[in-house]
């Protein structure tokens, strides 16, 4: 069966299926839409303790997509640094802070990278100490 359209005229009968299909598509798209945001819905605190001989983390992993709140505390008698490296080669510092003796700092980082991130003390006096480095995993 073939339908012939009048030249240059659309009737209400012809537009009705188009209106119904458009309305259905709008409702389907709205039902599947989710808010796109980079605001994390969860905060994970990671307590980092710097001593004169080692770096101690209270947890060595966190889930991807959360805000990592690194509470860094130097309880040693010298200056120390905490650097978190991430990226494809693990060479890009994404978080770094040097603290004097008996100082504390809180740094926040959105954990959107999945994989292993190396942490270490980048100061020359501490580079050779094996306990001044480790791996933090973002799951």
Protein backbone atom coordinates (compact mmCIF):
# COMPACT_ATOMS: atom_id res chain seq x y z
CA UNK A 1 0.00 0.00 0.00
CA UNK A 2 1.39 3.37 -0.99
CA UNK A 3 0.51 6.71 0.58
CA UNK A 4 0.50 9.90 -1.43
CA UNK A 5 1.12 13.16 0.42
CA UNK A 6 -0.62 16.31 -0.71
CA UNK A 7 1.93 18.69 -2.19
CA UNK A 8 3.29 21.02 0.50
CA UNK A 9 0.68 20.12 3.17
CA UNK A 10 0.93 18.04 6.31
CA UNK A 11 -2.26 17.06 8.02
CA UNK A 12 -2.84 16.44 11.71
CA UNK A 13 -3.28 12.73 11.02
CA UNK A 14 0.20 12.55 9.52
CA UNK A 15 1.81 14.50 12.40
CA UNK A 16 0.26 12.47 15.24
CA UNK A 17 2.65 9.45 14.96
CA UNK A 18 5.63 11.81 14.76
CA UNK A 19 4.55 13.65 17.93
CA UNK A 20 3.98 10.38 19.82
CA UNK A 21 7.39 8.98 18.82
CA UNK A 22 9.19 12.22 19.76
CA UNK A 23 7.51 12.30 23.18
CA UNK A 24 8.44 8.65 23.79
CA UNK A 25 12.08 9.29 22.91
CA UNK A 26 12.24 12.28 25.27
CA UNK A 27 10.91 10.19 28.18
CA UNK A 28 13.30 7.30 27.45
CA UNK A 29 16.31 9.62 27.27
CA UNK A 30 15.32 11.41 30.49
CA UNK A 31 14.85 8.10 32.29
CA UNK A 32 18.38 6.96 31.47
CA UNK A 33 20.10 10.29 32.11
CA UNK A 34 22.39 10.42 35.11
CA UNK A 35 24.04 13.50 36.54
CA UNK A 36 27.57 13.87 35.22
CA UNK A 37 29.70 15.30 38.00
CA UNK A 38 33.23 15.12 39.28
CA UNK A 39 32.20 15.86 42.84
CA UNK A 40 33.05 12.74 44.83
CA UNK A 41 30.26 11.25 46.90
CA UNK A 42 32.66 9.79 49.45
CA UNK A 43 35.76 10.98 51.30
CA UNK A 44 38.47 8.58 52.43
CA UNK A 45 41.04 9.77 54.96
CA UNK A 46 44.57 8.43 54.62
CA UNK A 47 46.78 9.22 57.61
CA UNK A 48 50.46 9.55 56.67
CA UNK A 49 53.09 9.63 59.42
CA UNK A 50 56.60 10.78 58.55
CA UNK A 51 59.42 9.79 60.90
CA UNK A 52 63.17 10.16 60.55
CA UNK A 53 63.42 6.61 59.18
CA UNK A 54 60.11 5.69 57.49
CA UNK A 55 56.77 6.68 56.00
CA UNK A 56 53.77 4.95 57.56
CA UNK A 57 50.29 4.95 55.96
CA UNK A 58 47.26 3.72 57.88
CA UNK A 59 45.81 2.32 54.63
CA UNK A 60 47.51 1.41 51.37
CA UNK A 61 44.49 1.50 49.04
CA UNK A 62 41.33 3.43 48.28
CA UNK A 63 38.55 3.02 45.72
CA UNK A 64 38.58 5.01 42.50
CA UNK A 65 36.21 8.00 42.32
CA UNK A 66 36.51 9.15 45.93
CA UNK A 67 38.21 12.17 47.42
CA UNK A 68 41.41 11.09 49.14
CA UNK A 69 42.14 13.31 52.11
CA UNK A 70 45.81 12.82 52.98
CA UNK A 71 46.52 13.88 56.57
CA UNK A 72 50.32 14.17 56.63
CA UNK A 73 52.10 14.48 59.95
CA UNK A 74 55.85 14.78 60.52
CA UNK A 75 56.75 13.44 63.96
CA UNK A 76 60.49 13.34 63.20
CA UNK A 77 63.20 15.80 64.17
CA UNK A 78 64.10 16.76 60.56
CA UNK A 79 62.29 18.05 57.48
CA UNK A 80 60.60 15.34 55.39
CA UNK A 81 58.66 15.19 52.14
CA UNK A 82 55.67 13.12 51.06
CA UNK A 83 55.19 12.79 47.30
CA UNK A 84 52.57 10.66 45.56
CA UNK A 85 53.41 9.82 41.95
CA UNK A 86 50.88 8.53 39.44
CA UNK A 87 50.37 8.34 35.70
CA UNK A 88 51.25 5.93 32.94
CA UNK A 89 54.94 5.82 33.82
CA UNK A 90 54.41 6.63 37.49
CA UNK A 91 56.66 9.64 37.17
CA UNK A 92 54.27 12.56 37.51
CA UNK A 93 53.98 13.93 41.07
CA UNK A 94 50.30 14.56 41.74
CA UNK A 95 50.71 15.40 45.40
CA UNK A 96 53.78 16.68 47.22
CA UNK A 97 54.40 18.44 50.50
CA UNK A 98 57.51 19.09 52.59
CA UNK A 99 56.96 19.51 56.31
CA UNK A 100 59.23 20.69 59.08
CA UNK A 101 59.52 18.81 62.37
CA UNK A 102 56.25 18.39 64.28
CA UNK A 103 54.14 19.91 61.48
CA UNK A 104 50.94 18.66 59.89
CA UNK A 105 49.17 19.28 56.58
CA UNK A 106 45.93 18.08 54.98
CA UNK A 107 45.88 17.66 51.20
CA UNK A 108 42.89 16.53 49.15
CA UNK A 109 43.09 14.68 45.88
CA UNK A 110 40.31 13.31 43.67
CA UNK A 111 41.32 9.71 43.00
CA UNK A 112 40.33 9.28 39.36
CA UNK A 113 43.42 7.31 38.33
CA UNK A 114 43.14 3.53 38.63
CA UNK A 115 46.31 1.61 39.41
CA UNK A 116 49.42 1.84 41.52
CA UNK A 117 50.80 5.14 42.71
CA UNK A 118 54.25 5.29 44.24
CA UNK A 119 54.82 7.38 47.36
CA UNK A 120 58.26 8.48 48.55
CA UNK A 121 60.32 11.14 50.30
CA UNK A 122 62.10 13.17 47.60
CA UNK A 123 64.58 14.91 49.91
CA UNK A 124 68.22 13.99 49.23
CA UNK A 125 68.89 12.82 52.81
CA UNK A 126 66.00 10.30 52.67
CA UNK A 127 66.24 8.93 49.11
CA UNK A 128 68.41 5.95 50.03
CA UNK A 129 66.22 4.74 52.90
CA UNK A 130 64.04 1.80 51.76
CA UNK A 131 61.31 2.51 54.33
CA UNK A 132 60.79 6.00 52.87
CA UNK A 133 58.90 4.69 49.82
CA UNK A 134 56.02 2.40 49.01
CA UNK A 135 52.98 1.81 46.82
CA UNK A 136 49.44 3.15 47.23
CA UNK A 137 46.78 1.37 45.13
CA UNK A 138 43.67 3.03 43.72
CA UNK A 139 41.15 0.26 43.08
